[in-house]
């Protein structure tokens, strides 16, 4: 494996068993993460973003979840079949996670400082006093004005933004090699969102941490990510550098996502362009492109067969039949891409 790549996921398949049958949540996902890189994973709710990320650290509930197939390589080592104890060591120091809702992710019966110190103590040989000093230092680094006082407070004494800062402090307190942020700004107001994103970026640069940022907000990835993965119905449909996704989008689903956000030259009184239809039923996922039922360019082959990988550069590739040499020429593709490029 390339030494520049710290994480590689190959053919990941993860399902959930329910009373109604098997939900095939992630289906054949392949991606990698470079050292010091911020990778954004974006898609609608239910696209498999969080399940993919939690599969890396094996924190999806099993059962009802089941890791059906795939390989996960971390720092050159295959961790797919690591024991529970081995994975606990990785989660303690190497790969840390910021969860979606800070309101429910912190223990309400423990002081904030003690919760962070507990993680530091589990990660290595360090005394309680040294752990406390480290917690006060990291609380200061994430923007708390009086870290010694905040150390002694309980979660209910924190605002939503302060709780999320505490979650970042908890995750970054052991200088992890990978930080997974699962929609860390969802429950926050716009101003606090901007502050949290800036904080994550600053911490990432300070420690050269590799970051996986999971979100449904294109504005978030535009501000923080180096490279982007577009997921839909448990599959990756397109991936590329941020400039590729925003200025040379290739998949119709990516076009739909970009056109559904406010554009700089649009009339503010006009409604946003929503993607019509709903994601497919993952109890019985389609054989072909999962976006086909909602795509205005759907052909018969789109319904019957999943597209092959079409590579533009080493980092930009997608899965779509529209660009096949035998596909009918779609005259307005260039117009759509030009419109998005000039207005995003």
C-alpha atoms as a PDB file:
ATOM      1  CA  UNK A   1       0.000   0.000   0.000  1.00  0.00           C
ATOM      2  CA  UNK A   2       1.143   3.563  -0.778  1.00  0.00           C
ATOM      3  CA  UNK A   3       2.919   4.989   2.303  1.00  0.00           C
ATOM      4  CA  UNK A   4       1.030   8.246   1.835  1.00  0.00           C
ATOM      5  CA  UNK A   5      -2.262   6.387   2.431  1.00  0.00           C
ATOM      6  CA  UNK A   6      -3.148   5.866   6.090  1.00  0.00           C
ATOM      7  CA  UNK A   7      -6.531   4.169   5.569  1.00  0.00           C
ATOM      8  CA  UNK A   8      -7.901   2.039   2.754  1.00  0.00           C
ATOM      9  CA  UNK A   9     -11.335   0.426   2.562  1.00  0.00           C
ATOM     10  CA  UNK A  10     -11.950  -2.258  -0.059  1.00  0.00           C
ATOM     11  CA  UNK A  11     -15.320  -3.694  -1.138  1.00  0.00           C
ATOM     12  CA  UNK A  12     -17.071  -2.863   2.148  1.00  0.00           C
ATOM     13  CA  UNK A  13     -20.503  -4.491   2.517  1.00  0.00           C
ATOM     14  CA  UNK A  14     -22.496  -3.942   5.709  1.00  0.00           C
ATOM     15  CA  UNK A  15     -26.117  -4.928   6.388  1.00  0.00           C
ATOM     16  CA  UNK A  16     -28.697  -4.787   9.174  1.00  0.00           C
ATOM     17  CA  UNK A  17     -31.091  -7.613   9.943  1.00  0.00           C
ATOM     18  CA  UNK A  18     -34.593  -6.387  10.811  1.00  0.00           C
ATOM     19  CA  UNK A  19     -37.987  -8.008  11.333  1.00  0.00           C
ATOM     20  CA  UNK A  20     -38.812  -7.076   7.725  1.00  0.00           C
ATOM     21  CA  UNK A  21     -35.600  -8.474   6.220  1.00  0.00           C
ATOM     22  CA  UNK A  22     -32.013  -7.482   5.434  1.00  0.00           C
ATOM     23  CA  UNK A  23     -31.192  -3.800   4.905  1.00  0.00           C
ATOM     24  CA  UNK A  24     -28.131  -3.621   2.651  1.00  0.00           C
ATOM     25  CA  UNK A  25     -26.852  -0.328   4.007  1.00  0.00           C
ATOM     26  CA  UNK A  26     -23.370  -0.278   2.406  1.00  0.00           C
ATOM     27  CA  UNK A  27     -22.705  -2.095  -0.855  1.00  0.00           C
ATOM     28  CA  UNK A  28     -19.215  -2.508  -2.271  1.00  0.00           C
ATOM     29  CA  UNK A  29     -17.630   0.722  -1.072  1.00  0.00           C
ATOM     30  CA  UNK A  30     -13.956   1.426  -1.916  1.00  0.00           C
ATOM     31  CA  UNK A  31     -12.016   4.499  -0.807  1.00  0.00           C
ATOM     32  CA  UNK A  32      -8.765   5.654   0.767  1.00  0.00           C
ATOM     33  CA  UNK A  33      -7.574   8.428   3.076  1.00  0.00           C
ATOM     34  CA  UNK A  34      -4.191  10.125   2.802  1.00  0.00           C
ATOM     35  CA  UNK A  35      -2.093  11.299   5.736  1.00  0.00           C
ATOM     36  CA  UNK A  36      -3.012  14.848   6.773  1.00  0.00           C
ATOM     37  CA  UNK A  37      -5.976  14.944   4.377  1.00  0.00           C
ATOM     38  CA  UNK A  38      -9.564  16.037   5.011  1.00  0.00           C
ATOM     39  CA  UNK A  39     -11.968  13.710   3.186  1.00  0.00           C
ATOM     40  CA  UNK A  40     -15.607  14.755   2.962  1.00  0.00           C
ATOM     41  CA  UNK A  41     -18.313  12.107   2.602  1.00  0.00           C
ATOM     42  CA  UNK A  42     -21.594  13.641   1.448  1.00  0.00           C
ATOM     43  CA  UNK A  43     -25.042  12.337   0.577  1.00  0.00           C
ATOM     44  CA  UNK A  44     -28.674  12.273   1.621  1.00  0.00           C
ATOM     45  CA  UNK A  45     -29.813  10.719   4.890  1.00  0.00           C
ATOM     46  CA  UNK A  46     -29.702   6.948   4.595  1.00  0.00           C
ATOM     47  CA  UNK A  47     -26.967   6.926   1.951  1.00  0.00           C
ATOM     48  CA  UNK A  48     -24.609   4.887   4.161  1.00  0.00           C
ATOM     49  CA  UNK A  49     -22.179   7.617   5.248  1.00  0.00           C
ATOM     50  CA  UNK A  50     -22.250   6.991   8.991  1.00  0.00           C
ATOM     51  CA  UNK A  51     -22.483   3.206   8.648  1.00  0.00           C
ATOM     52  CA  UNK A  52     -19.354   3.273   6.473  1.00  0.00           C
ATOM     53  CA  UNK A  53     -17.431   5.386   8.986  1.00  0.00           C
ATOM     54  CA  UNK A  54     -18.539   3.337  11.994  1.00  0.00           C
ATOM     55  CA  UNK A  55     -17.558   0.134  10.202  1.00  0.00           C
ATOM     56  CA  UNK A  56     -13.948   1.344  10.239  1.00  0.00           C
ATOM     57  CA  UNK A  57     -13.826   1.416  14.041  1.00  0.00           C
ATOM     58  CA  UNK A  58     -16.375  -1.392  14.364  1.00  0.00           C
ATOM     59  CA  UNK A  59     -18.874   0.520  16.495  1.00  0.00           C
ATOM     60  CA  UNK A  60     -21.973  -0.343  14.473  1.00  0.00           C
ATOM     61  CA  UNK A  61     -24.223  -2.508  16.685  1.00  0.00           C
ATOM     62  CA  UNK A  62     -23.638  -6.179  15.826  1.00  0.00           C
ATOM     63  CA  UNK A  63     -26.264  -7.653  15.889  1.00  0.00           C
ATOM     64  CA  UNK A  64     -28.440  -6.402  14.231  1.00  0.00           C
ATOM     65  CA  UNK A  65     -25.576  -5.194  12.019  1.00  0.00           C
ATOM     66  CA  UNK A  66     -23.329  -7.578  10.117  1.00  0.00           C
ATOM     67  CA  UNK A  67     -19.976  -6.964   8.429  1.00  0.00           C
ATOM     68  CA  UNK A  68     -20.615  -9.102   5.369  1.00  0.00           C
ATOM     69  CA  UNK A  69     -17.575  -8.539   3.212  1.00  0.00           C
ATOM     70  CA  UNK A  70     -14.563  -6.295   2.675  1.00  0.00           C
ATOM     71  CA  UNK A  71     -11.119  -5.340   3.922  1.00  0.00           C
ATOM     72  CA  UNK A  72      -9.970  -2.382   6.036  1.00  0.00           C
ATOM     73  CA  UNK A  73      -6.293  -1.431   6.098  1.00  0.00           C
ATOM     74  CA  UNK A  74      -5.019   1.044   8.690  1.00  0.00           C
ATOM     75  CA  UNK A  75      -1.428   2.234   8.475  1.00  0.00           C
ATOM     76  CA  UNK A  76      -0.596  -0.731   6.241  1.00  0.00           C
ATOM     77  CA  UNK A  77      -2.125  -3.319   8.580  1.00  0.00           C
ATOM     78  CA  UNK A  78      -5.262  -5.338   7.829  1.00  0.00           C
ATOM     79  CA  UNK A  79      -7.522  -4.648  10.841  1.00  0.00           C
ATOM     80  CA  UNK A  80     -10.598  -6.388   9.404  1.00  0.00           C
ATOM     81  CA  UNK A  81     -10.370  -9.359  11.779  1.00  0.00           C
ATOM     82  CA  UNK A  82      -8.869  -7.630  14.803  1.00  0.00           C
ATOM     83  CA  UNK A  83     -10.169  -8.806  18.159  1.00  0.00           C
ATOM     84  CA  UNK A  84     -12.390  -6.631  20.336  1.00  0.00           C
ATOM     85  CA  UNK A  85      -9.398  -5.806  22.564  1.00  0.00           C
ATOM     86  CA  UNK A  86      -7.234  -4.825  19.576  1.00  0.00           C
ATOM     87  CA  UNK A  87      -9.982  -2.540  18.241  1.00  0.00           C
ATOM     88  CA  UNK A  88     -10.376  -0.915  21.657  1.00  0.00           C
ATOM     89  CA  UNK A  89      -6.688   0.049  21.546  1.00  0.00           C
ATOM     90  CA  UNK A  90      -7.114   1.571  18.088  1.00  0.00           C
ATOM     91  CA  UNK A  91     -10.224   3.520  19.180  1.00  0.00           C
ATOM     92  CA  UNK A  92      -8.439   4.678  22.350  1.00  0.00           C
ATOM     93  CA  UNK A  93      -5.538   6.375  20.592  1.00  0.00           C
ATOM     94  CA  UNK A  94      -5.313   5.913  16.816  1.00  0.00           C
ATOM     95  CA  UNK A  95      -8.810   6.585  15.418  1.00  0.00           C
ATOM     96  CA  UNK A  96     -11.153   8.856  17.366  1.00  0.00           C
ATOM     97  CA  UNK A  97     -14.690   9.964  16.526  1.00  0.00           C
ATOM     98  CA  UNK A  98     -16.826  13.069  17.051  1.00  0.00           C
ATOM     99  CA  UNK A  99     -20.446  11.955  17.107  1.00  0.00           C
ATOM    100  CA  UNK A 100     -23.426  13.696  15.543  1.00  0.00           C
ATOM    101  CA  UNK A 101     -25.250  14.862  18.647  1.00  0.00           C
ATOM    102  CA  UNK A 102     -23.086  16.352  21.432  1.00  0.00           C
ATOM    103  CA  UNK A 103     -26.176  16.619  23.637  1.00  0.00           C
ATOM    104  CA  UNK A 104     -26.362  12.825  24.084  1.00  0.00           C
ATOM    105  CA  UNK A 105     -22.724  11.838  23.488  1.00  0.00           C
ATOM    106  CA  UNK A 106     -21.396  13.077  26.833  1.00  0.00           C
ATOM    107  CA  UNK A 107     -22.034  11.312  30.150  1.00  0.00           C
ATOM    108  CA  UNK A 108     -24.372  13.624  32.120  1.00  0.00           C
ATOM    109  CA  UNK A 109     -23.181  12.210  35.486  1.00  0.00           C
ATOM    110  CA  UNK A 110     -19.468  12.993  34.983  1.00  0.00           C
ATOM    111  CA  UNK A 111     -17.607  16.280  34.907  1.00  0.00           C
ATOM    112  CA  UNK A 112     -16.360  17.241  31.438  1.00  0.00           C
ATOM    113  CA  UNK A 113     -12.717  17.230  32.494  1.00  0.00           C
ATOM    114  CA  UNK A 114     -12.997  13.765  34.023  1.00  0.00           C
ATOM    115  CA  UNK A 115     -14.536  12.360  30.833  1.00  0.00           C
ATOM    116  CA  UNK A 116     -11.688  13.691  28.720  1.00  0.00           C
ATOM    117  CA  UNK A 117      -9.064  12.597  31.255  1.00  0.00           C
ATOM    118  CA  UNK A 118     -10.545   9.085  31.271  1.00  0.00           C
ATOM    119  CA  UNK A 119      -9.821   8.774  27.556  1.00  0.00           C
ATOM    120  CA  UNK A 120      -6.247  10.005  28.006  1.00  0.00           C
ATOM    121  CA  UNK A 121      -5.617   7.529  30.850  1.00  0.00           C
ATOM    122  CA  UNK A 122      -6.883   4.630  28.732  1.00  0.00           C
ATOM    123  CA  UNK A 123      -4.686   5.628  25.808  1.00  0.00           C
ATOM    124  CA  UNK A 124      -1.313   5.394  27.538  1.00  0.00           C
ATOM    125  CA  UNK A 125       0.909   5.388  30.619  1.00  0.00           C
ATOM    126  CA  UNK A 126       0.251   8.720  32.286  1.00  0.00           C
ATOM    127  CA  UNK A 127      -0.544   9.851  35.817  1.00  0.00           C
ATOM    128  CA  UNK A 128      -3.882  11.403  36.814  1.00  0.00           C
ATOM    129  CA  UNK A 129      -2.241  14.777  37.474  1.00  0.00           C
ATOM    130  CA  UNK A 130      -0.546  14.718  34.065  1.00  0.00           C
ATOM    131  CA  UNK A 131      -3.858  13.759  32.447  1.00  0.00           C
ATOM    132  CA  UNK A 132      -5.584  16.686  34.169  1.00  0.00           C
ATOM    133  CA  UNK A 133      -2.918  19.111  32.938  1.00  0.00           C
ATOM    134  CA  UNK A 134      -3.320  17.728  29.417  1.00  0.00           C
ATOM    135  CA  UNK A 135      -7.115  18.203  29.599  1.00  0.00           C
ATOM    136  CA  UNK A 136      -6.769  21.830  30.719  1.00  0.00           C
ATOM    137  CA  UNK A 137      -4.317  22.425  27.862  1.00  0.00           C
ATOM    138  CA  UNK A 138      -6.608  20.896  25.243  1.00  0.00           C
ATOM    139  CA  UNK A 139      -9.670  22.771  26.594  1.00  0.00           C
ATOM    140  CA  UNK A 140      -7.683  25.975  26.153  1.00  0.00           C
ATOM    141  CA  UNK A 141      -6.715  24.906  22.619  1.00  0.00           C
ATOM    142  CA  UNK A 142     -10.345  24.396  21.594  1.00  0.00           C
ATOM    143  CA  UNK A 143     -11.306  27.881  22.730  1.00  0.00           C
ATOM    144  CA  UNK A 144     -12.505  27.709  26.347  1.00  0.00           C
ATOM    145  CA  UNK A 145     -11.639  30.986  28.096  1.00  0.00           C
ATOM    146  CA  UNK A 146     -11.415  29.494  31.608  1.00  0.00           C
ATOM    147  CA  UNK A 147     -10.373  25.846  31.127  1.00  0.00           C
ATOM    148  CA  UNK A 148      -9.723  25.171  34.827  1.00  0.00           C
ATOM    149  CA  UNK A 149     -13.318  26.133  35.648  1.00  0.00           C
ATOM    150  CA  UNK A 150     -14.750  24.261  32.633  1.00  0.00           C
ATOM    151  CA  UNK A 151     -12.865  21.144  33.728  1.00  0.00           C
ATOM    152  CA  UNK A 152     -15.084  20.919  36.825  1.00  0.00           C
ATOM    153  CA  UNK A 153     -18.432  21.547  35.118  1.00  0.00           C
ATOM    154  CA  UNK A 154     -21.041  19.017  34.002  1.00  0.00           C
ATOM    155  CA  UNK A 155     -22.487  18.727  30.461  1.00  0.00           C
ATOM    156  CA  UNK A 156     -25.777  20.409  31.470  1.00  0.00           C
ATOM    157  CA  UNK A 157     -23.777  23.560  32.269  1.00  0.00           C
ATOM    158  CA  UNK A 158     -22.524  23.743  28.678  1.00  0.00           C
ATOM    159  CA  UNK A 159     -24.286  25.199  25.632  1.00  0.00           C
ATOM    160  CA  UNK A 160     -24.599  23.149  22.429  1.00  0.00           C
ATOM    161  CA  UNK A 161     -21.502  24.751  20.914  1.00  0.00           C
ATOM    162  CA  UNK A 162     -19.516  24.236  24.113  1.00  0.00           C
ATOM    163  CA  UNK A 163     -20.524  20.567  24.203  1.00  0.00           C
ATOM    164  CA  UNK A 164     -19.266  20.129  20.638  1.00  0.00           C
ATOM    165  CA  UNK A 165     -15.984  21.811  21.565  1.00  0.00           C
ATOM    166  CA  UNK A 166     -15.725  19.398  24.472  1.00  0.00           C
ATOM    167  CA  UNK A 167     -16.311  16.488  22.064  1.00  0.00           C
ATOM    168  CA  UNK A 168     -13.501  17.802  19.847  1.00  0.00           C
ATOM    169  CA  UNK A 169     -11.255  18.099  22.905  1.00  0.00           C
ATOM    170  CA  UNK A 170     -12.152  14.522  23.868  1.00  0.00           C
ATOM    171  CA  UNK A 171     -11.300  13.251  20.392  1.00  0.00           C
ATOM    172  CA  UNK A 172      -8.094  15.257  19.929  1.00  0.00           C
ATOM    173  CA  UNK A 173      -6.723  14.843  23.467  1.00  0.00           C
ATOM    174  CA  UNK A 174      -4.561  11.848  22.449  1.00  0.00           C
ATOM    175  CA  UNK A 175      -3.394  13.251  19.075  1.00  0.00           C
ATOM    176  CA  UNK A 176      -5.123  10.552  16.988  1.00  0.00           C
ATOM    177  CA  UNK A 177      -3.905   9.683  13.515  1.00  0.00           C
ATOM    178  CA  UNK A 178      -7.478   9.745  12.152  1.00  0.00           C
ATOM    179  CA  UNK A 179     -10.438  11.839  13.302  1.00  0.00           C
ATOM    180  CA  UNK A 180     -13.918  10.862  12.096  1.00  0.00           C
ATOM    181  CA  UNK A 181     -16.425  13.715  12.437  1.00  0.00           C
ATOM    182  CA  UNK A 182     -19.998  12.487  11.952  1.00  0.00           C
ATOM    183  CA  UNK A 183     -22.045  15.579  11.040  1.00  0.00           C
ATOM    184  CA  UNK A 184     -20.534  17.566  13.941  1.00  0.00           C
ATOM    185  CA  UNK A 185     -22.423  20.789  13.128  1.00  0.00           C
ATOM    186  CA  UNK A 186     -25.953  19.428  12.557  1.00  0.00           C
ATOM    187  CA  UNK A 187     -27.491  20.602  15.850  1.00  0.00           C
ATOM    188  CA  UNK A 188     -25.741  23.991  15.919  1.00  0.00           C
ATOM    189  CA  UNK A 189     -26.677  27.469  14.704  1.00  0.00           C
ATOM    190  CA  UNK A 190     -24.907  28.918  11.659  1.00  0.00           C
ATOM    191  CA  UNK A 191     -22.435  31.064  13.622  1.00  0.00           C
ATOM    192  CA  UNK A 192     -21.428  28.205  15.905  1.00  0.00           C
ATOM    193  CA  UNK A 193     -21.157  25.874  12.899  1.00  0.00           C
ATOM    194  CA  UNK A 194     -18.565  28.166  11.331  1.00  0.00           C
ATOM    195  CA  UNK A 195     -16.615  28.314  14.594  1.00  0.00           C
ATOM    196  CA  UNK A 196     -16.614  24.510  14.986  1.00  0.00           C
ATOM    197  CA  UNK A 197     -15.496  23.933  11.381  1.00  0.00           C
ATOM    198  CA  UNK A 198     -12.684  26.455  11.789  1.00  0.00           C
ATOM    199  CA  UNK A 199     -11.663  24.760  15.038  1.00  0.00           C
ATOM    200  CA  UNK A 200     -11.578  21.292  13.443  1.00  0.00           C
ATOM    201  CA  UNK A 201      -9.503  22.623  10.547  1.00  0.00           C
ATOM    202  CA  UNK A 202      -7.072  24.387  12.914  1.00  0.00           C
ATOM    203  CA  UNK A 203      -6.664  21.263  15.059  1.00  0.00           C
ATOM    204  CA  UNK A 204      -6.187  19.132  11.947  1.00  0.00           C
ATOM    205  CA  UNK A 205      -3.405  21.392  10.719  1.00  0.00           C
ATOM    206  CA  UNK A 206      -1.757  21.639  14.143  1.00  0.00           C
ATOM    207  CA  UNK A 207      -1.523  17.859  14.581  1.00  0.00           C
ATOM    208  CA  UNK A 208      -1.447  16.834  10.859  1.00  0.00           C
ATOM    209  CA  UNK A 209      -4.420  14.596  11.574  1.00  0.00           C
ATOM    210  CA  UNK A 210      -6.272  12.808   8.774  1.00  0.00           C
ATOM    211  CA  UNK A 211      -9.989  13.714   8.947  1.00  0.00           C
ATOM    212  CA  UNK A 212     -13.119  12.058   7.586  1.00  0.00           C
ATOM    213  CA  UNK A 213     -15.915  14.643   7.603  1.00  0.00           C
ATOM    214  CA  UNK A 214     -19.401  13.153   7.194  1.00  0.00           C
ATOM    215  CA  UNK A 215     -22.085  15.640   6.200  1.00  0.00           C
ATOM    216  CA  UNK A 216     -25.090  16.336   3.983  1.00  0.00           C
ATOM    217  CA  UNK A 217     -24.064  19.987   3.624  1.00  0.00           C
ATOM    218  CA  UNK A 218     -22.079  20.918   0.504  1.00  0.00           C
ATOM    219  CA  UNK A 219     -21.080  24.199   2.148  1.00  0.00           C
ATOM    220  CA  UNK A 220     -19.249  22.264   4.870  1.00  0.00           C
ATOM    221  CA  UNK A 221     -17.121  20.243   2.446  1.00  0.00           C
ATOM    222  CA  UNK A 222     -16.381  23.346   0.368  1.00  0.00           C
ATOM    223  CA  UNK A 223     -14.909  25.041   3.449  1.00  0.00           C
ATOM    224  CA  UNK A 224     -12.991  22.189   5.022  1.00  0.00           C
ATOM    225  CA  UNK A 225     -12.385  19.208   2.697  1.00  0.00           C
ATOM    226  CA  UNK A 226      -9.529  18.455   0.304  1.00  0.00           C
ATOM    227  CA  UNK A 227     -11.315  15.577  -1.427  1.00  0.00           C
ATOM    228  CA  UNK A 228     -14.980  14.535  -1.582  1.00  0.00           C
ATOM    229  CA  UNK A 229     -16.923  11.274  -1.871  1.00  0.00           C
ATOM    230  CA  UNK A 230     -20.537  11.400  -3.106  1.00  0.00           C
ATOM    231  CA  UNK A 231     -22.579   8.504  -1.668  1.00  0.00           C
ATOM    232  CA  UNK A 232     -26.072   7.369  -2.567  1.00  0.00           C
ATOM    233  CA  UNK A 233     -28.034   4.266  -1.516  1.00  0.00           C
ATOM    234  CA  UNK A 234     -24.982   2.576  -0.010  1.00  0.00           C
ATOM    235  CA  UNK A 235     -22.702   3.171  -2.996  1.00  0.00           C
ATOM    236  CA  UNK A 236     -20.118   5.724  -4.110  1.00  0.00           C
ATOM    237  CA  UNK A 237     -21.283   7.474  -7.290  1.00  0.00           C
ATOM    238  CA  UNK A 238     -18.505  10.039  -7.672  1.00  0.00           C
ATOM    239  CA  UNK A 239     -15.310  11.114  -5.929  1.00  0.00           C
ATOM    240  CA  UNK A 240     -12.731  13.793  -6.586  1.00  0.00           C
ATOM    241  CA  UNK A 241     -10.893  16.794  -5.253  1.00  0.00           C
ATOM    242  CA  UNK A 242     -13.159  19.627  -4.072  1.00  0.00           C
ATOM    243  CA  UNK A 243     -12.519  21.616  -7.251  1.00  0.00           C
ATOM    244  CA  UNK A 244     -13.480  18.559  -9.339  1.00  0.00           C
ATOM    245  CA  UNK A 245     -16.825  18.139  -7.574  1.00  0.00           C
ATOM    246  CA  UNK A 246     -17.746  21.828  -7.652  1.00  0.00           C
ATOM    247  CA  UNK A 247     -16.382  22.785 -11.067  1.00  0.00           C
ATOM    248  CA  UNK A 248     -16.326  19.562 -13.097  1.00  0.00           C
ATOM    249  CA  UNK A 249     -19.166  17.419 -11.647  1.00  0.00           C
ATOM    250  CA  UNK A 250     -19.921  14.377 -13.778  1.00  0.00           C
ATOM    251  CA  UNK A 251     -22.691  12.324 -12.192  1.00  0.00           C
ATOM    252  CA  UNK A 252     -26.323  13.511 -12.475  1.00  0.00           C
ATOM    253  CA  UNK A 253     -26.743  12.984  -8.722  1.00  0.00           C
ATOM    254  CA  UNK A 254     -23.853  15.388  -8.072  1.00  0.00           C
ATOM    255  CA  UNK A 255     -25.527  17.891 -10.417  1.00  0.00           C
ATOM    256  CA  UNK A 256     -28.743  17.524  -8.446  1.00  0.00           C
ATOM    257  CA  UNK A 257     -26.989  18.142  -5.124  1.00  0.00           C
ATOM    258  CA  UNK A 258     -25.227  21.226  -6.453  1.00  0.00           C
ATOM    259  CA  UNK A 259     -28.402  22.636  -8.007  1.00  0.00           C
ATOM    260  CA  UNK A 260     -30.344  22.146  -4.756  1.00  0.00           C
ATOM    261  CA  UNK A 261     -28.259  24.706  -2.862  1.00  0.00           C
ATOM    262  CA  UNK A 262     -28.686  28.522  -3.143  1.00  0.00           C
ATOM    263  CA  UNK A 263     -26.656  29.753  -6.105  1.00  0.00           C
ATOM    264  CA  UNK A 264     -24.925  33.122  -6.047  1.00  0.00           C
ATOM    265  CA  UNK A 265     -26.643  34.474  -9.195  1.00  0.00           C
ATOM    266  CA  UNK A 266     -30.095  33.030  -8.522  1.00  0.00           C
ATOM    267  CA  UNK A 267     -33.274  34.940  -7.728  1.00  0.00           C
ATOM    268  CA  UNK A 268     -33.821  34.780  -3.959  1.00  0.00           C
ATOM    269  CA  UNK A 269     -37.574  34.525  -4.470  1.00  0.00           C
ATOM    270  CA  UNK A 270     -37.268  31.364  -6.576  1.00  0.00           C
ATOM    271  CA  UNK A 271     -37.617  28.042  -4.710  1.00  0.00           C
ATOM    272  CA  UNK A 272     -34.607  25.731  -4.535  1.00  0.00           C
ATOM    273  CA  UNK A 273     -34.452  22.889  -7.066  1.00  0.00           C
ATOM    274  CA  UNK A 274     -35.118  19.691  -5.152  1.00  0.00           C
ATOM    275  CA  UNK A 275     -34.245  16.253  -6.531  1.00  0.00           C
ATOM    276  CA  UNK A 276     -37.605  14.655  -7.273  1.00  0.00           C
ATOM    277  CA  UNK A 277     -38.386  11.191  -5.946  1.00  0.00           C
ATOM    278  CA  UNK A 278     -36.982   9.142  -3.065  1.00  0.00           C
ATOM    279  CA  UNK A 279     -33.940   6.921  -2.526  1.00  0.00           C
ATOM    280  CA  UNK A 280     -34.441   3.214  -3.375  1.00  0.00           C
ATOM    281  CA  UNK A 281     -35.553   0.533  -0.940  1.00  0.00           C
ATOM    282  CA  UNK A 282     -32.381  -1.067   0.452  1.00  0.00           C
ATOM    283  CA  UNK A 283     -34.284  -4.208   1.443  1.00  0.00           C
ATOM    284  CA  UNK A 284     -34.146  -4.948  -2.270  1.00  0.00           C
ATOM    285  CA  UNK A 285     -31.580  -2.581  -3.833  1.00  0.00           C
ATOM    286  CA  UNK A 286     -31.600  -2.104  -7.609  1.00  0.00           C
ATOM    287  CA  UNK A 287     -29.225  -4.044  -9.858  1.00  0.00           C
ATOM    288  CA  UNK A 288     -28.246  -0.957 -11.843  1.00  0.00           C
ATOM    289  CA  UNK A 289     -27.498   2.619 -10.883  1.00  0.00           C
ATOM    290  CA  UNK A 290     -29.470   3.376  -7.693  1.00  0.00           C
ATOM    291  CA  UNK A 291     -30.123   6.925  -8.898  1.00  0.00           C
ATOM    292  CA  UNK A 292     -31.746   5.748 -12.143  1.00  0.00           C
ATOM    293  CA  UNK A 293     -35.401   6.140 -10.964  1.00  0.00           C
ATOM    294  CA  UNK A 294     -34.764   9.817 -10.171  1.00  0.00           C
ATOM    295  CA  UNK A 295     -32.485  10.646 -13.114  1.00  0.00           C
ATOM    296  CA  UNK A 296     -33.872  12.472 -16.154  1.00  0.00           C
ATOM    297  CA  UNK A 297     -31.289  10.787 -18.411  1.00  0.00           C
ATOM    298  CA  UNK A 298     -32.020   7.163 -17.452  1.00  0.00           C
ATOM    299  CA  UNK A 299     -31.486   4.511 -20.136  1.00  0.00           C
ATOM    300  CA  UNK A 300     -32.373   0.809 -20.066  1.00  0.00           C
ATOM    301  CA  UNK A 301     -28.792  -0.141 -19.223  1.00  0.00           C
ATOM    302  CA  UNK A 302     -28.898   2.157 -16.163  1.00  0.00           C
ATOM    303  CA  UNK A 303     -31.681   0.038 -14.664  1.00  0.00           C
ATOM    304  CA  UNK A 304     -30.175  -3.348 -15.500  1.00  0.00           C
ATOM    305  CA  UNK A 305     -26.428  -2.886 -14.811  1.00  0.00           C
ATOM    306  CA  UNK A 306     -24.373  -0.799 -12.397  1.00  0.00           C
ATOM    307  CA  UNK A 307     -21.996   1.445 -14.418  1.00  0.00           C
ATOM    308  CA  UNK A 308     -18.314   0.670 -14.710  1.00  0.00           C
ATOM    309  CA  UNK A 309     -15.744   3.004 -13.158  1.00  0.00           C
ATOM    310  CA  UNK A 310     -14.868   5.949 -15.386  1.00  0.00           C
ATOM    311  CA  UNK A 311     -11.605   7.620 -14.348  1.00  0.00           C
ATOM    312  CA  UNK A 312     -10.765  11.218 -15.263  1.00  0.00           C
ATOM    313  CA  UNK A 313      -7.703  11.682 -13.007  1.00  0.00           C
ATOM    314  CA  UNK A 314      -6.217   9.532 -10.255  1.00  0.00           C
ATOM    315  CA  UNK A 315      -8.485  11.281  -7.738  1.00  0.00           C
ATOM    316  CA  UNK A 316     -11.552  12.025  -9.866  1.00  0.00           C
ATOM    317  CA  UNK A 317     -13.742   9.145 -10.998  1.00  0.00           C
ATOM    318  CA  UNK A 318     -17.443   8.309 -11.174  1.00  0.00           C
ATOM    319  CA  UNK A 319     -19.955   5.623 -12.175  1.00  0.00           C
ATOM    320  CA  UNK A 320     -22.368   6.616 -14.948  1.00  0.00           C
ATOM    321  CA  UNK A 321     -23.457   5.215 -18.340  1.00  0.00           C
ATOM    322  CA  UNK A 322     -24.030   8.669 -19.857  1.00  0.00           C
ATOM    323  CA  UNK A 323     -20.405   8.942 -20.909  1.00  0.00           C
ATOM    324  CA  UNK A 324     -20.211   5.549 -22.609  1.00  0.00           C
ATOM    325  CA  UNK A 325     -19.289   5.752 -26.296  1.00  0.00           C
ATOM    326  CA  UNK A 326     -22.566   4.048 -27.254  1.00  0.00           C
ATOM    327  CA  UNK A 327     -24.757   6.281 -25.086  1.00  0.00           C
ATOM    328  CA  UNK A 328     -26.884   8.900 -26.878  1.00  0.00           C
ATOM    329  CA  UNK A 329     -25.372  12.355 -26.801  1.00  0.00           C
ATOM    330  CA  UNK A 330     -26.999  14.614 -24.244  1.00  0.00           C
ATOM    331  CA  UNK A 331     -26.771  18.152 -25.581  1.00  0.00           C
ATOM    332  CA  UNK A 332     -27.435  19.982 -22.307  1.00  0.00           C
ATOM    333  CA  UNK A 333     -24.704  18.258 -20.205  1.00  0.00           C
ATOM    334  CA  UNK A 334     -22.199  21.015 -20.995  1.00  0.00           C
ATOM    335  CA  UNK A 335     -24.846  23.654 -20.266  1.00  0.00           C
ATOM    336  CA  UNK A 336     -25.661  22.114 -16.873  1.00  0.00           C
ATOM    337  CA  UNK A 337     -21.998  21.885 -15.854  1.00  0.00           C
ATOM    338  CA  UNK A 338     -21.340  25.429 -17.095  1.00  0.00           C
ATOM    339  CA  UNK A 339     -24.341  26.766 -15.159  1.00  0.00           C
ATOM    340  CA  UNK A 340     -23.171  25.061 -11.935  1.00  0.00           C
ATOM    341  CA  UNK A 341     -19.564  26.195 -12.415  1.00  0.00           C
ATOM    342  CA  UNK A 342     -20.582  29.830 -12.905  1.00  0.00           C
ATOM    343  CA  UNK A 343     -23.048  29.938 -10.008  1.00  0.00           C
ATOM    344  CA  UNK A 344     -21.701  27.795  -7.153  1.00  0.00           C
END
